[in-house]
Protein backbone atom coordinates (compact mmCIF):
# COMPACT_ATOMS: atom_id res chain seq x y z
CA MET A 1 -33.65 -39.28 -54.68
CA ARG A 2 -32.62 -36.33 -52.28
CA ASP A 3 -29.02 -36.62 -53.22
CA ILE A 4 -29.78 -36.36 -56.88
CA ASP A 5 -32.04 -33.28 -56.30
CA GLU A 6 -29.21 -31.87 -54.15
CA LEU A 7 -27.10 -32.25 -57.19
CA ARG A 8 -29.38 -30.74 -59.71
CA GLU A 9 -29.74 -27.63 -57.39
CA LEU A 10 -25.78 -27.48 -57.34
CA ARG A 11 -25.56 -27.50 -61.15
CA ASP A 12 -27.79 -24.58 -61.51
CA PHE A 13 -26.05 -22.35 -59.25
CA ASP A 14 -23.59 -19.83 -60.85
CA THR A 15 -20.29 -20.65 -59.16
CA GLY A 16 -18.21 -17.64 -60.30
CA ALA A 17 -15.25 -20.38 -59.81
CA PRO A 18 -11.94 -19.85 -61.08
CA PRO A 19 -10.91 -21.98 -64.26
CA LEU A 20 -9.65 -25.60 -63.58
CA ASP A 21 -6.03 -26.15 -63.38
CA GLU A 22 -4.45 -29.06 -65.19
CA GLU A 23 -4.50 -31.63 -62.64
CA THR A 24 -8.31 -31.36 -61.95
CA ARG A 25 -8.93 -31.21 -65.60
CA ARG A 26 -6.90 -34.25 -66.16
CA ARG A 27 -8.87 -36.02 -63.26
CA ALA A 28 -12.02 -34.96 -64.91
CA ARG A 29 -11.15 -36.06 -68.45
CA ASP A 30 -10.20 -39.64 -67.00
CA ARG A 31 -13.42 -40.15 -65.40
CA LEU A 32 -15.22 -39.16 -68.20
CA LEU A 33 -13.29 -41.34 -70.29
CA THR A 34 -13.71 -44.38 -68.11
CA ALA A 35 -17.48 -43.66 -67.89
CA VAL A 36 -18.04 -43.60 -71.49
CA HIS A 37 -16.09 -47.06 -71.95
CA GLY A 38 -18.22 -48.78 -69.29
CA THR A 39 -15.46 -49.46 -66.72
CA ALA A 40 -16.11 -47.21 -64.03
CA PRO A 41 -16.35 -49.29 -60.81
CA ARG A 42 -19.38 -48.77 -58.80
CA VAL A 43 -18.18 -46.59 -55.76
CA ARG A 44 -19.95 -46.74 -52.57
CA PRO A 45 -20.63 -43.56 -50.86
CA PRO A 46 -18.23 -42.93 -48.23
CA ARG A 47 -19.16 -43.29 -44.67
CA ARG A 48 -18.65 -39.80 -43.53
CA PRO A 49 -16.95 -40.04 -40.07
CA VAL A 50 -18.08 -36.52 -38.64
CA LEU A 51 -21.55 -37.25 -39.11
CA ARG A 52 -21.52 -40.40 -36.87
CA ILE A 53 -22.31 -38.29 -33.75
CA ALA A 54 -24.99 -39.67 -31.18
CA LEU A 55 -28.07 -37.50 -31.47
CA THR A 56 -30.55 -36.58 -28.78
CA ALA A 57 -33.69 -34.54 -28.80
CA GLY A 58 -33.28 -34.23 -32.54
CA LEU A 59 -30.12 -32.19 -32.42
CA ALA A 60 -26.65 -32.89 -32.98
CA ALA A 61 -25.24 -33.91 -29.44
CA ALA A 62 -21.75 -33.15 -29.80
CA VAL A 63 -21.27 -29.53 -31.32
CA THR A 64 -18.58 -27.40 -29.82
CA ALA A 65 -18.29 -24.55 -32.46
CA GLY A 66 -21.58 -23.82 -33.01
CA VAL A 67 -20.01 -23.32 -36.60
CA LEU A 68 -21.92 -26.05 -38.24
CA VAL A 69 -24.32 -28.73 -36.77
CA ALA A 70 -23.73 -32.14 -38.29
CA VAL A 71 -27.78 -33.15 -38.21
CA ARG A 72 -30.70 -30.90 -37.08
CA ASN A 73 -34.31 -31.15 -37.35
CA ASP A 74 -35.25 -27.49 -37.23
CA GLY A 75 -34.29 -26.45 -40.45
CA GLY A 76 -30.68 -25.42 -39.14
CA ALA A 77 -27.50 -25.71 -40.75
CA GLY A 78 -26.27 -29.26 -41.89
CA ALA A 79 -22.95 -30.68 -42.00
CA GLY A 80 -23.59 -31.93 -45.49
CA THR A 81 -24.96 -28.72 -46.63
CA ARG A 82 -23.36 -27.75 -49.94
CA ARG A 83 -23.18 -24.46 -51.23
CA THR A 84 -21.74 -22.80 -54.06
CA ALA A 85 -18.36 -21.08 -53.66
CA LYS A 86 -18.48 -17.41 -53.41
CA PRO A 87 -15.72 -15.36 -55.69
CA PRO A 88 -12.91 -14.26 -53.42
CA ALA A 89 -13.00 -10.61 -52.38
CA THR A 90 -10.18 -8.06 -53.58
CA SER A 91 -6.81 -9.73 -52.79
CA ALA A 92 -3.69 -7.87 -51.89
CA PRO A 93 -1.30 -8.34 -54.88
CA ALA A 94 1.45 -9.73 -52.28
CA MET A 95 -1.08 -12.54 -51.46
CA ARG A 96 -1.79 -13.89 -54.77
CA ASP A 97 0.74 -16.74 -55.09
CA VAL A 98 0.58 -18.02 -51.63
CA SER A 99 0.20 -21.94 -51.71
CA ALA A 100 -2.28 -23.52 -49.15
CA GLN A 101 0.85 -25.93 -48.30
CA THR A 102 2.59 -22.59 -47.42
CA VAL A 103 -0.19 -21.29 -45.18
CA LEU A 104 -1.07 -24.57 -43.42
CA ARG A 105 2.94 -25.26 -42.91
CA GLY A 106 2.99 -21.66 -41.30
CA ALA A 107 -0.16 -22.31 -39.19
CA ALA A 108 1.56 -25.62 -37.90
CA ALA A 109 4.49 -23.77 -37.02
CA TYR A 110 2.61 -20.87 -35.27
CA ALA A 111 0.58 -23.22 -33.40
CA ARG A 112 3.51 -25.15 -31.95
CA GLU A 113 4.94 -22.04 -30.94
CA HIS A 114 1.90 -20.44 -29.64
CA GLU A 115 -0.60 -22.51 -28.78
CA ARG A 116 -1.72 -23.12 -25.21
CA THR A 117 -1.83 -26.77 -24.14
CA ALA A 118 -3.93 -28.50 -21.40
CA SER A 119 -3.59 -31.74 -19.21
CA PRO A 120 -7.46 -31.76 -17.75
CA ARG A 121 -8.34 -34.23 -15.23
CA ASP A 122 -11.03 -36.94 -16.63
CA ASP A 123 -13.56 -35.38 -13.86
CA GLN A 124 -13.13 -31.71 -15.45
CA TYR A 125 -14.67 -29.83 -18.26
CA ILE A 126 -13.36 -27.90 -21.46
CA TYR A 127 -14.85 -24.43 -21.21
CA THR A 128 -15.21 -22.53 -24.52
CA LYS A 129 -16.51 -19.22 -25.57
CA GLU A 130 -17.15 -18.38 -29.28
CA ILE A 131 -18.19 -15.78 -31.13
CA ILE A 132 -20.44 -15.98 -34.28
CA LYS A 133 -21.50 -13.15 -36.68
CA GLU A 134 -24.17 -13.86 -39.09
CA THR A 135 -25.31 -11.91 -41.96
CA ASP A 136 -28.58 -12.52 -43.89
CA GLN A 137 -27.51 -12.59 -47.48
CA GLN A 138 -30.56 -11.14 -48.59
CA THR A 139 -31.39 -8.43 -46.07
CA GLY A 140 -27.78 -7.72 -45.27
CA VAL A 141 -28.77 -7.72 -41.35
CA THR A 142 -26.14 -9.23 -39.21
CA LYS A 143 -26.52 -10.76 -35.70
CA SER A 144 -23.94 -11.68 -33.13
CA TYR A 145 -24.04 -14.64 -31.06
CA VAL A 146 -21.83 -15.55 -28.07
CA ASP A 147 -21.81 -19.76 -27.59
CA GLU A 148 -20.46 -21.05 -24.27
CA ASN A 149 -19.92 -24.87 -24.06
CA TRP A 150 -18.72 -26.88 -21.38
CA HIS A 151 -17.67 -30.58 -22.61
CA SER A 152 -16.69 -33.47 -20.27
CA VAL A 153 -13.24 -34.25 -20.41
CA ASP A 154 -13.82 -38.05 -20.36
CA GLY A 155 -17.18 -37.86 -22.19
CA SER A 156 -18.90 -39.84 -19.15
CA ARG A 157 -20.73 -36.71 -18.17
CA ARG A 158 -23.44 -34.85 -19.86
CA SER A 159 -22.19 -31.72 -21.75
CA TRP A 160 -23.70 -28.27 -22.14
CA VAL A 161 -23.38 -27.18 -25.89
CA MET A 162 -24.46 -24.14 -27.84
CA GLU A 163 -25.15 -23.30 -31.47
CA ILE A 164 -25.80 -19.73 -32.30
CA GLY A 165 -27.48 -18.79 -29.06
CA LYS A 166 -29.05 -21.86 -28.31
CA GLY A 167 -28.06 -24.48 -25.82
CA TRP A 168 -29.00 -27.85 -25.03
CA TRP A 169 -27.67 -30.84 -22.75
CA SER A 170 -25.67 -33.72 -24.73
CA PRO A 171 -25.71 -36.55 -22.96
CA PRO A 172 -22.78 -39.01 -22.75
CA LEU A 173 -22.09 -41.66 -25.63
CA LYS A 174 -23.86 -44.89 -24.73
CA LYS A 175 -21.91 -47.93 -24.53
CA GLY A 176 -20.50 -49.18 -28.05
CA GLU A 177 -21.09 -45.73 -29.45
CA SER A 178 -18.27 -43.69 -31.04
CA SER A 179 -18.28 -40.34 -32.76
CA TRP A 180 -15.87 -38.34 -34.99
CA PRO A 181 -14.32 -35.93 -34.10
CA PRO A 182 -13.87 -37.74 -30.60
CA ARG A 183 -14.67 -35.80 -28.06
CA ASP A 184 -13.05 -37.34 -24.68
CA TRP A 185 -9.58 -36.45 -24.05
CA GLY A 186 -8.21 -39.64 -23.70
CA THR A 187 -9.02 -40.74 -27.39
CA LEU A 188 -7.94 -37.45 -28.84
CA ARG A 189 -4.36 -38.12 -26.81
CA LYS A 190 -4.04 -41.34 -28.79
CA LEU A 191 -4.60 -39.49 -32.13
CA PRO A 192 -0.87 -39.51 -33.96
CA THR A 193 0.69 -35.94 -34.01
CA ASP A 194 2.48 -37.25 -37.51
CA PRO A 195 0.35 -35.49 -40.45
CA GLU A 196 0.82 -38.79 -42.50
CA ARG A 197 0.08 -41.17 -39.75
CA LEU A 198 -2.87 -38.96 -38.97
CA ILE A 199 -4.15 -39.12 -42.26
CA LEU A 200 -3.82 -43.03 -42.71
CA SER A 201 -5.51 -43.44 -39.16
CA ILE A 202 -8.43 -41.65 -40.11
CA THR A 203 -8.40 -43.55 -43.29
CA ASN A 204 -8.46 -46.95 -41.86
CA GLU A 205 -11.21 -45.53 -39.37
CA TYR A 206 -14.01 -45.40 -42.05
CA GLY A 207 -12.63 -48.56 -43.90
CA GLY A 208 -9.82 -50.20 -45.56
CA ARG A 209 -6.16 -50.75 -44.52
CA LYS A 210 -4.27 -48.09 -46.22
CA THR A 211 -0.70 -48.40 -45.61
CA SER A 212 0.37 -45.25 -47.81
CA LEU A 213 -0.71 -42.05 -49.19
CA ASP A 214 -0.18 -43.26 -52.70
CA GLU A 215 -3.21 -45.74 -52.15
CA LEU A 216 -5.81 -43.11 -51.27
CA SER A 217 -8.30 -42.53 -54.06
CA ASP A 218 -10.09 -39.22 -54.82
CA GLN A 219 -13.08 -40.58 -52.46
CA ASP A 220 -10.70 -41.36 -49.67
CA TRP A 221 -9.05 -37.95 -49.89
CA SER A 222 -12.69 -36.24 -49.92
CA SER A 223 -13.26 -38.17 -46.56
CA VAL A 224 -9.97 -37.43 -45.07
CA HIS A 225 -10.62 -33.76 -45.85
CA PHE A 226 -14.15 -34.09 -44.34
CA SER A 227 -12.55 -35.56 -41.10
CA LEU A 228 -10.02 -33.13 -40.96
CA ALA A 229 -12.13 -30.48 -41.08
CA GLY A 230 -14.51 -31.73 -38.45
CA LEU A 231 -11.58 -32.14 -36.04
CA LEU A 232 -10.38 -28.70 -36.71
CA LYS A 233 -14.01 -26.96 -36.57
CA LEU A 234 -15.58 -28.91 -33.73
CA VAL A 235 -12.73 -29.39 -31.08
CA PRO A 236 -11.15 -26.30 -30.58
CA VAL A 237 -8.91 -27.48 -27.60
CA MET A 238 -6.42 -30.55 -28.17
CA PRO A 239 -3.66 -32.25 -26.81
CA ALA A 240 -0.34 -30.66 -27.64
CA GLY A 241 0.93 -31.57 -31.14
CA LEU A 242 -2.47 -32.75 -32.66
CA ARG A 243 -3.38 -29.26 -34.16
CA PRO A 244 -0.21 -28.61 -35.91
CA ALA A 245 -0.56 -32.15 -37.28
CA ALA A 246 -4.05 -31.74 -38.45
CA TYR A 247 -3.01 -28.52 -40.32
CA GLU A 248 -0.02 -30.17 -42.03
CA ALA A 249 -2.34 -32.95 -42.96
CA LEU A 250 -4.74 -30.87 -44.35
CA GLY A 251 -2.10 -29.42 -46.44
CA MET A 252 -1.49 -32.82 -47.89
CA VAL A 253 -5.06 -33.18 -49.28
CA PRO A 254 -5.01 -32.78 -53.08
CA GLY A 255 -7.47 -29.87 -54.08
CA VAL A 256 -6.83 -27.77 -50.78
CA THR A 257 -6.31 -24.21 -52.05
CA ALA A 258 -5.68 -20.73 -50.70
CA VAL A 259 -8.12 -17.93 -51.42
CA PRO A 260 -6.52 -14.50 -50.52
CA GLY A 261 -8.49 -11.41 -49.27
CA GLN A 262 -11.04 -13.32 -46.81
CA LYS A 263 -12.33 -11.23 -43.87
CA ASP A 264 -12.60 -12.96 -40.30
CA ALA A 265 -15.49 -11.88 -37.84
CA LYS A 266 -13.29 -8.98 -36.55
CA GLY A 267 -13.01 -7.68 -40.14
CA ARG A 268 -9.38 -8.41 -40.38
CA ILE A 269 -8.23 -9.57 -44.10
CA GLY A 270 -6.48 -12.80 -44.25
CA VAL A 271 -5.89 -15.66 -46.55
CA ALA A 272 -8.30 -18.70 -46.28
CA ILE A 273 -8.11 -22.33 -47.11
CA THR A 274 -10.78 -24.16 -48.79
CA TYR A 275 -11.18 -27.37 -50.82
CA ASP A 276 -12.02 -28.10 -54.12
CA ASP A 277 -13.45 -31.62 -54.12
CA PRO A 278 -13.38 -33.73 -57.17
CA THR A 279 -16.21 -35.89 -56.09
CA LEU A 280 -18.81 -32.94 -55.80
CA PRO A 281 -19.96 -31.14 -58.76
CA LYS A 282 -17.67 -28.20 -60.30
CA GLY A 283 -18.13 -25.05 -58.18
CA SER A 284 -19.62 -26.65 -54.99
CA VAL A 285 -18.10 -26.52 -51.74
CA GLY A 286 -18.37 -29.27 -49.02
CA PHE A 287 -17.94 -29.33 -45.37
CA GLY A 288 -15.21 -27.19 -44.14
CA GLY A 289 -16.19 -23.96 -45.79
CA TYR A 290 -13.08 -21.45 -45.31
CA PHE A 291 -10.41 -21.57 -42.73
CA VAL A 292 -9.05 -18.01 -42.32
CA PHE A 293 -5.35 -17.06 -41.30
CA ASP A 294 -3.23 -14.07 -40.95
CA PRO A 295 -1.54 -13.48 -44.22
CA LEU A 296 1.97 -12.71 -42.43
CA THR A 297 2.14 -14.79 -39.22
CA TYR A 298 -0.40 -17.62 -40.46
CA GLU A 299 -1.98 -17.36 -36.82
CA PHE A 300 -5.49 -19.00 -37.55
CA LEU A 301 -8.38 -16.09 -37.15
CA GLY A 302 -11.35 -18.00 -37.65
CA PHE A 303 -14.24 -19.84 -39.80
CA ARG A 304 -16.15 -18.55 -42.80
CA ASP A 305 -19.13 -20.56 -43.70
CA ILE A 306 -22.68 -20.64 -45.17
CA ARG A 307 -25.68 -21.69 -43.16
CA THR A 308 -29.16 -22.15 -44.45
CA SER A 309 -32.61 -22.24 -42.69
CA GLY A 310 -35.99 -22.96 -43.72
CA ASP A 311 -37.18 -24.80 -47.11
CA GLY A 312 -38.48 -23.99 -50.59
CA ALA A 313 -39.53 -20.19 -50.88
CA ALA A 314 -38.77 -19.72 -47.08
CA THR A 315 -35.14 -20.63 -47.29
CA LYS A 316 -32.86 -18.40 -46.02
CA THR A 317 -29.18 -18.19 -46.41
CA TYR A 318 -26.32 -16.48 -43.98
CA THR A 319 -22.71 -15.90 -44.28
CA GLN A 320 -21.40 -16.92 -41.09
CA LEU A 321 -18.06 -15.61 -39.23
CA SER A 322 -16.89 -17.26 -36.40
CA TYR A 323 -13.94 -17.41 -33.90
CA LEU A 324 -12.74 -18.93 -30.51
CA ASP A 325 -12.80 -15.98 -28.02
CA SER A 326 -11.47 -18.02 -25.23
CA TRP A 327 -11.09 -21.41 -23.36
CA ALA A 328 -10.05 -22.90 -19.89
CA VAL A 329 -10.25 -26.21 -17.94
CA VAL A 330 -13.02 -25.83 -15.24
CA ASP A 331 -14.10 -28.23 -12.51
CA ARG A 332 -17.87 -28.15 -12.95
CA VAL A 333 -20.30 -27.50 -15.68
CA LYS A 334 -21.55 -24.33 -16.20
CA GLU A 335 -18.87 -22.82 -14.23
CA ARG A 336 -16.80 -20.01 -15.87
CA PRO A 337 -13.20 -19.16 -15.35
């Protein structure tokens, strides 16, 4: 019933979304005709890999960016939170025709050329410092937070994680437990750095044995996007080649679109990548929000998300902008570079 109530709420939002393109209209029309004739197969909800995260003390144990939390019990943001898409800001004329594929291929090329790589030891920690700016959509008040995280490289030691200024100890996964996105360097290093193989490995992670992208359904692609967004948002430091592959894989997802004229946390105007998920109600946005890139170099600038807290009349909605300020490999938890 909870899912049904959420869908009803989404139905009532004024989306401000642009008209559907022909491909999206075709998918919707085909689905409607199938449903009318009573031949629609029963589709099980996908196993969302990003949500398979070990929890402790009621908090999501493996949060790196502090941008979105997989699960919280204190009214904070949830990875499953679905909000309506906001109309894009005023765009520069030169940016209107850029495609998501062009942006993400450019982002992959930029990452291959400029991104720092690391070869940490298993007994070390990945330190990250992230800046988050949140604006209350009702009052217009903006608050800034500095989140510092120390993640165990091999996952065998407890880590310190923060989200919008609050921190907690995250214990290592127990035997037999797993999570997506993976945190330990050994598992990350095994992920394919070929974009098509990366997509298929993600698909096979949550069920089925697909051998070609042509076999993927809308539901499969929705889960692939969910997983890629989780990997890119929650793992700010990756082995060489993985981030470019994830960008290129994201560009292969049908429904990924470019939205020009979006600001990042530093006030720079960039082009954002978001996802029109055909499995969600029209105008809604699933996990992943907006990835903002420089409009010329395609350097990644940061994230734009919506966070909610509270319930009912006490619900507050925030526009959240964030970016990775710095990172390093250190020998001890709480050690700064």
